[in-house]
Structures are given as structure tokens and as C-alpha cells.
Amino acid sequence: MISKNYKFEKKWRKRKVKEYSKGIYVKFKPEEVEILHNRMKEAGVQNMSAYIRKMALNGYVIIPEWPDLNQVISLHSRISNNLNQYARKANETGKLYEEDIAEIKQMHNEQTKFLKKTLEAVMYLYEEDSKKKK
């Protein structure tokens, strides 16, 4: 199935290709390739070109750990599941209980709190990166 944003995605890919227009060919020994794959896996990176580029230019790859983001994802999943259960119950009985609504609100507030903390961390990293580039 073709994406609704196919034309945009196609333009974006072309722009990315133009951005990295200078190719460098490098050969590795088989054991070096295995080490490279292991380090990429440890870093959680799948794009070999991006990994090699970061290592060559910066000497390191930052692996962000986002416990707050994981918490947001978990809460979102739980909220979605609860909403489905409440919707089923409301459809079957024709009633929605105040305790159910209070629980949804409490979980939503928790999710909002963790999402805010995560976004603040992302903004901090962005600002620090911007300072380094100046």
C-alpha cells in the first residue's frame, strides 16, 4: 500500500541523498564487521552509515536512555486498554461510573507529567547540542 505522504516522502529521501553526496569506500575484515555489528546492536543503531559517520566525526555515539518516555508509553497503553474496557462496559450496560472516569483522569495526569519531563529532557539536549555547534 502506498503511503498518503508518498510524494513528500519521495522528496525527503531525494533531499537526504543530496545532503550526503560524497561517498567514501572503506573495507573491513570479517571480524571487524562482526565487531561493528555488535557495537551497533549495543548502541541500538540499525543504520550502519549513520553509525560509522557519527563515530568517525565525533568519536562516540550517544545512546539516550528515556525511562520517562518508556513510562509514558506504558501509561498510554494502559489508558488505551482501560478506555476500551470502559467503552465496552458502557455499551453493554448503558452506564459509565464515576470511579472509572476518575481512574482515567488520574492515569492521564500521570501520563502528562511523564511526557512533560521527557520533553524537557529532549529540549535540554537540543539546547546543549546547539551550544556546542556555535
Protein backbone atom coordinates (compact mmCIF):
# COMPACT_ATOMS: atom_id res chain seq x y z
CA MET A 1 0.00 0.00 0.00
CA ILE A 2 1.35 3.43 -0.91
CA SER A 3 1.54 5.97 1.89
CA LYS A 4 -0.65 9.09 1.72
CA ASN A 5 2.52 11.14 2.05
CA TYR A 6 4.29 9.30 -0.79
CA LYS A 7 5.25 12.44 -2.74
CA PHE A 8 6.55 14.16 0.38
CA GLU A 9 8.50 11.07 1.45
CA LYS A 10 9.99 10.73 -2.03
CA LYS A 11 11.15 14.39 -1.99
CA TRP A 12 12.53 13.95 1.53
CA ARG A 13 14.54 10.87 0.51
CA LYS A 14 15.97 12.70 -2.52
CA ARG A 15 16.95 15.64 -0.31
CA LYS A 16 18.68 13.27 2.14
CA VAL A 17 20.60 11.61 -0.70
CA LYS A 18 21.79 15.00 -1.98
CA GLU A 19 22.80 16.01 1.54
CA TYR A 20 25.23 13.07 1.71
CA SER A 21 26.62 13.26 -1.81
CA LYS A 22 30.29 12.41 -1.15
CA GLY A 23 30.86 8.68 -0.80
CA ILE A 24 33.89 7.06 0.82
CA TYR A 25 34.57 3.38 0.29
CA VAL A 26 36.06 1.52 3.27
CA LYS A 27 36.92 -2.17 3.56
CA PHE A 28 36.71 -4.15 6.79
CA LYS A 29 37.97 -7.58 7.79
CA PRO A 30 35.15 -10.06 8.56
CA GLU A 31 35.92 -9.96 12.30
CA GLU A 32 35.85 -6.14 12.21
CA VAL A 33 32.42 -6.22 10.57
CA GLU A 34 31.22 -8.52 13.34
CA ILE A 35 32.57 -6.11 15.98
CA LEU A 36 30.91 -3.22 14.14
CA HIS A 37 27.56 -5.04 14.11
CA ASN A 38 27.89 -5.87 17.82
CA ARG A 39 28.63 -2.26 18.72
CA MET A 40 25.73 -1.05 16.58
CA LYS A 41 23.45 -3.52 18.36
CA GLU A 42 24.70 -2.31 21.78
CA ALA A 43 24.02 1.28 20.72
CA GLY A 44 20.58 0.38 19.39
CA VAL A 45 21.50 1.66 15.92
CA GLN A 46 20.40 -0.03 12.69
CA ASN A 47 21.76 2.39 10.10
CA MET A 48 25.41 1.46 9.54
CA SER A 49 26.24 4.61 7.54
CA ALA A 50 24.89 6.85 10.28
CA TYR A 51 26.77 4.88 12.96
CA ILE A 52 30.10 4.99 11.10
CA ARG A 53 29.62 8.69 10.29
CA LYS A 54 28.94 9.57 13.96
CA MET A 55 31.90 7.51 15.17
CA ALA A 56 34.26 8.99 12.58
CA LEU A 57 33.22 12.60 13.17
CA ASN A 58 32.51 12.61 16.91
CA GLY A 59 34.36 9.57 18.21
CA TYR A 60 31.26 8.44 20.08
CA VAL A 61 27.58 7.70 19.71
CA ILE A 62 25.19 8.96 22.37
CA ILE A 63 22.70 6.34 23.46
CA PRO A 64 19.86 8.18 25.16
CA GLU A 65 18.01 6.31 27.85
CA TRP A 66 14.47 7.51 28.29
CA PRO A 67 12.90 5.88 31.36
CA ASP A 68 10.29 8.66 31.43
CA LEU A 69 9.42 8.04 27.78
CA ASN A 70 9.09 4.31 28.48
CA GLN A 71 6.79 5.20 31.38
CA VAL A 72 4.68 7.42 29.08
CA ILE A 73 4.39 4.62 26.52
CA SER A 74 3.39 2.15 29.23
CA LEU A 75 0.80 4.54 30.68
CA HIS A 76 -0.57 5.30 27.23
CA SER A 77 -1.02 1.60 26.57
CA ARG A 78 -2.78 1.10 29.92
CA ILE A 79 -5.04 4.11 29.37
CA SER A 80 -5.98 2.88 25.90
CA ASN A 81 -6.75 -0.57 27.26
CA ASN A 82 -8.86 0.86 30.09
CA LEU A 83 -10.76 3.15 27.71
CA ASN A 84 -11.62 0.16 25.54
CA GLN A 85 -12.87 -1.77 28.58
CA TYR A 86 -14.93 1.20 29.80
CA ALA A 87 -16.40 1.74 26.33
CA ARG A 88 -17.40 -1.94 26.16
CA LYS A 89 -18.94 -1.74 29.64
CA ALA A 90 -20.81 1.48 28.76
CA ASN A 91 -22.12 -0.08 25.54
CA GLU A 92 -23.29 -3.21 27.39
CA THR A 93 -24.85 -1.54 30.43
CA GLY A 94 -25.55 1.94 29.11
CA LYS A 95 -23.76 3.37 32.18
CA LEU A 96 -20.35 4.83 32.93
CA TYR A 97 -19.23 5.01 36.54
CA GLU A 98 -17.59 7.97 38.27
CA GLU A 99 -14.77 5.75 39.61
CA ASP A 100 -13.91 4.74 36.05
CA ILE A 101 -13.76 8.36 34.92
CA ALA A 102 -11.64 9.31 37.97
CA GLU A 103 -9.19 6.49 37.20
CA ILE A 104 -8.87 7.60 33.57
CA LYS A 105 -8.25 11.21 34.68
CA GLN A 106 -5.61 10.12 37.21
CA MET A 107 -3.78 7.99 34.63
CA HIS A 108 -3.99 10.81 32.09
CA ASN A 109 -2.48 13.26 34.61
CA GLU A 110 0.38 10.81 35.31
CA GLN A 111 0.99 10.39 31.60
CA THR A 112 1.03 14.16 31.08
CA LYS A 113 3.55 14.59 33.91
CA PHE A 114 5.95 11.99 32.46
CA LEU A 115 5.52 13.35 28.93
CA LYS A 116 6.38 16.85 30.16
CA LYS A 117 9.54 15.57 31.90
CA THR A 118 10.58 13.71 28.75
CA LEU A 119 10.04 16.73 26.52
CA GLU A 120 12.02 18.91 28.93
CA ALA A 121 14.92 16.42 28.71
CA VAL A 122 14.76 16.47 24.90
CA MET A 123 14.75 20.28 24.87
CA TYR A 124 17.73 20.35 27.25
CA LEU A 125 19.70 18.00 24.97
CA TYR A 126 18.75 20.09 21.94
CA GLU A 127 19.90 23.30 23.63
CA GLU A 128 23.19 21.70 24.73
CA ASP A 129 23.80 20.44 21.20
CA SER A 130 23.04 23.91 19.80
CA LYS A 131 25.58 25.47 22.20
CA LYS A 132 28.28 23.03 21.03
CA LYS A 133 27.68 23.90 17.37
CA LYS A 134 28.21 27.64 17.98
